[in-house]
C-alpha atoms as a PDB file:
ATOM      1  CA  MET A   1     157.699 114.128  53.344  1.00  0.00           C
ATOM      2  CA  THR A   2     156.912 111.337  55.772  1.00  0.00           C
ATOM      3  CA  HIS A   3     159.508 110.027  58.208  1.00  0.00           C
ATOM      4  CA  ILE A   4     159.637 107.191  60.718  1.00  0.00           C
ATOM      5  CA  LEU A   5     161.454 107.516  64.012  1.00  0.00           C
ATOM      6  CA  VAL A   6     162.298 104.253  65.795  1.00  0.00           C
ATOM      7  CA  ARG A   7     163.604 104.002  69.352  1.00  0.00           C
ATOM      8  CA  HIS A   8     164.500 100.748  71.070  1.00  0.00           C
ATOM      9  CA  LYS A   9     167.063  99.187  73.372  1.00  0.00           C
ATOM     10  CA  VAL A  10     169.478  96.441  72.414  1.00  0.00           C
ATOM     11  CA  ALA A  11     171.357  93.948  74.555  1.00  0.00           C
ATOM     12  CA  ASP A  12     174.617  94.400  72.648  1.00  0.00           C
ATOM     13  CA  PHE A  13     175.064  97.104  69.994  1.00  0.00           C
ATOM     14  CA  ALA A  14     178.031  95.272  68.406  1.00  0.00           C
ATOM     15  CA  ARG A  15     175.781  92.220  67.850  1.00  0.00           C
ATOM     16  CA  TRP A  16     172.702  94.228  66.837  1.00  0.00           C
ATOM     17  CA  LYS A  17     174.370  96.427  64.177  1.00  0.00           C
ATOM     18  CA  PRO A  18     175.422  93.633  61.748  1.00  0.00           C
ATOM     19  CA  ALA A  19     171.953  92.078  62.058  1.00  0.00           C
ATOM     20  CA  TYR A  20     170.375  95.472  61.353  1.00  0.00           C
ATOM     21  CA  ASP A  21     172.685  96.020  58.368  1.00  0.00           C
ATOM     22  CA  SER A  22     171.772  92.625  56.914  1.00  0.00           C
ATOM     23  CA  HIS A  23     168.141  93.749  56.557  1.00  0.00           C
ATOM     24  CA  ALA A  24     168.861  96.819  54.402  1.00  0.00           C
ATOM     25  CA  ALA A  25     167.168  95.284  51.352  1.00  0.00           C
ATOM     26  CA  SER A  26     163.968  94.647  53.328  1.00  0.00           C
ATOM     27  CA  ARG A  27     163.884  98.250  54.511  1.00  0.00           C
ATOM     28  CA  ALA A  28     164.471  99.490  50.964  1.00  0.00           C
ATOM     29  CA  ALA A  29     161.647  97.293  49.660  1.00  0.00           C
ATOM     30  CA  ALA A  30     159.385  98.909  52.273  1.00  0.00           C
ATOM     31  CA  GLY A  31     160.300 102.369  50.965  1.00  0.00           C
ATOM     32  CA  LEU A  32     162.579 103.293  53.867  1.00  0.00           C
ATOM     33  CA  THR A  33     165.857 105.191  53.553  1.00  0.00           C
ATOM     34  CA  GLU A  34     167.971 105.552  56.668  1.00  0.00           C
ATOM     35  CA  GLU A  35     168.808 109.185  57.378  1.00  0.00           C
ATOM     36  CA  ARG A  36     170.288 108.876  60.876  1.00  0.00           C
ATOM     37  CA  LEU A  37     171.272 106.048  63.200  1.00  0.00           C
ATOM     38  CA  LEU A  38     172.137 107.307  66.681  1.00  0.00           C
ATOM     39  CA  ARG A  39     172.966 105.888  70.094  1.00  0.00           C
ATOM     40  CA  ASN A  40     171.968 107.562  73.313  1.00  0.00           C
ATOM     41  CA  ALA A  41     175.124 109.228  74.677  1.00  0.00           C
ATOM     42  CA  ASP A  42     174.102 108.283  78.238  1.00  0.00           C
ATOM     43  CA  ASN A  43     172.919 104.743  77.457  1.00  0.00           C
ATOM     44  CA  GLY A  44     174.716 102.952  74.606  1.00  0.00           C
ATOM     45  CA  HIS A  45     172.015 100.273  74.573  1.00  0.00           C
ATOM     46  CA  GLU A  46     169.392 102.730  73.315  1.00  0.00           C
ATOM     47  CA  VAL A  47     169.238 103.162  69.540  1.00  0.00           C
ATOM     48  CA  ILE A  48     167.321 105.827  67.618  1.00  0.00           C
ATOM     49  CA  ILE A  49     166.876 105.615  63.851  1.00  0.00           C
ATOM     50  CA  LEU A  50     165.288 108.150  61.509  1.00  0.00           C
ATOM     51  CA  PHE A  51     164.050 106.967  58.116  1.00  0.00           C
ATOM     52  CA  ALA A  52     162.684 108.883  55.132  1.00  0.00           C
ATOM     53  CA  VAL A  53     159.586 107.157  53.746  1.00  0.00           C
ATOM     54  CA  SER A  54     158.805 106.987  50.030  1.00  0.00           C
ATOM     55  CA  ASP A  55     155.699 104.792  50.350  1.00  0.00           C
ATOM     56  CA  PRO A  56     153.796 105.268  53.639  1.00  0.00           C
ATOM     57  CA  ARG A  57     151.504 102.294  52.974  1.00  0.00           C
ATOM     58  CA  LYS A  58     154.425  99.888  52.543  1.00  0.00           C
ATOM     59  CA  ALA A  59     156.253 101.426  55.501  1.00  0.00           C
ATOM     60  CA  ARG A  60     153.263 100.968  57.840  1.00  0.00           C
ATOM     61  CA  ALA A  61     152.836  97.354  56.725  1.00  0.00           C
ATOM     62  CA  PHE A  62     156.545  96.701  57.309  1.00  0.00           C
ATOM     63  CA  ALA A  63     156.488  98.351  60.752  1.00  0.00           C
ATOM     64  CA  ALA A  64     153.533  96.164  61.792  1.00  0.00           C
ATOM     65  CA  SER A  65     154.913  92.937  60.315  1.00  0.00           C
ATOM     66  CA  SER A  66     155.776  89.807  62.250  1.00  0.00           C
ATOM     67  CA  TYR A  67     158.913  89.629  60.053  1.00  0.00           C
ATOM     68  CA  LEU A  68     160.214  92.860  61.582  1.00  0.00           C
ATOM     69  CA  ARG A  69     159.327  91.792  65.147  1.00  0.00           C
ATOM     70  CA  GLU A  70     161.145  88.465  64.669  1.00  0.00           C
ATOM     71  CA  ALA A  71     164.201  90.156  63.120  1.00  0.00           C
ATOM     72  CA  MET A  72     164.380  92.596  66.022  1.00  0.00           C
ATOM     73  CA  LEU A  73     164.190  89.792  68.577  1.00  0.00           C
ATOM     74  CA  LYS A  74     166.931  87.819  66.813  1.00  0.00           C
ATOM     75  CA  ALA A  75     169.119  90.930  66.669  1.00  0.00           C
ATOM     76  CA  GLY A  76     168.807  91.450  70.419  1.00  0.00           C
ATOM     77  CA  VAL A  77     166.195  94.191  70.803  1.00  0.00           C
ATOM     78  CA  THR A  78     165.237  94.024  74.466  1.00  0.00           C
ATOM     79  CA  ASP A  79     162.158  96.223  74.724  1.00  0.00           C
ATOM     80  CA  LYS A  80     159.072  97.118  72.751  1.00  0.00           C
ATOM     81  CA  PRO A  81     160.194  99.578  70.065  1.00  0.00           C
ATOM     82  CA  ASP A  82     158.625 103.000  69.876  1.00  0.00           C
ATOM     83  CA  ILE A  83     157.772 103.691  66.233  1.00  0.00           C
ATOM     84  CA  PHE A  84     156.548 107.147  65.250  1.00  0.00           C
ATOM     85  CA  PHE A  85     155.276 108.170  61.829  1.00  0.00           C
ATOM     86  CA  LEU A  86     156.073 111.870  61.326  1.00  0.00           C
ATOM     87  CA  GLU A  87     154.968 114.371  58.696  1.00  0.00           C
END
């Protein structure tokens, strides 16, 4: 099974989380299922998310999309996300 691991920092987790939640349908359409959403215990601004991937082609297109970049910026992501495709 393929997974995606995403790591990025956010300005304000309380502001970021509702924005993230509002995009659940887009993630589902891209074949992503959230398995874990974690915050760094030493830095609450760092978020790590693990997704199961049902369609790697759709997931890669979603990860590279300008839609996702814009949504992340609006939600308060403050750095370039690290996105890892894992098998």
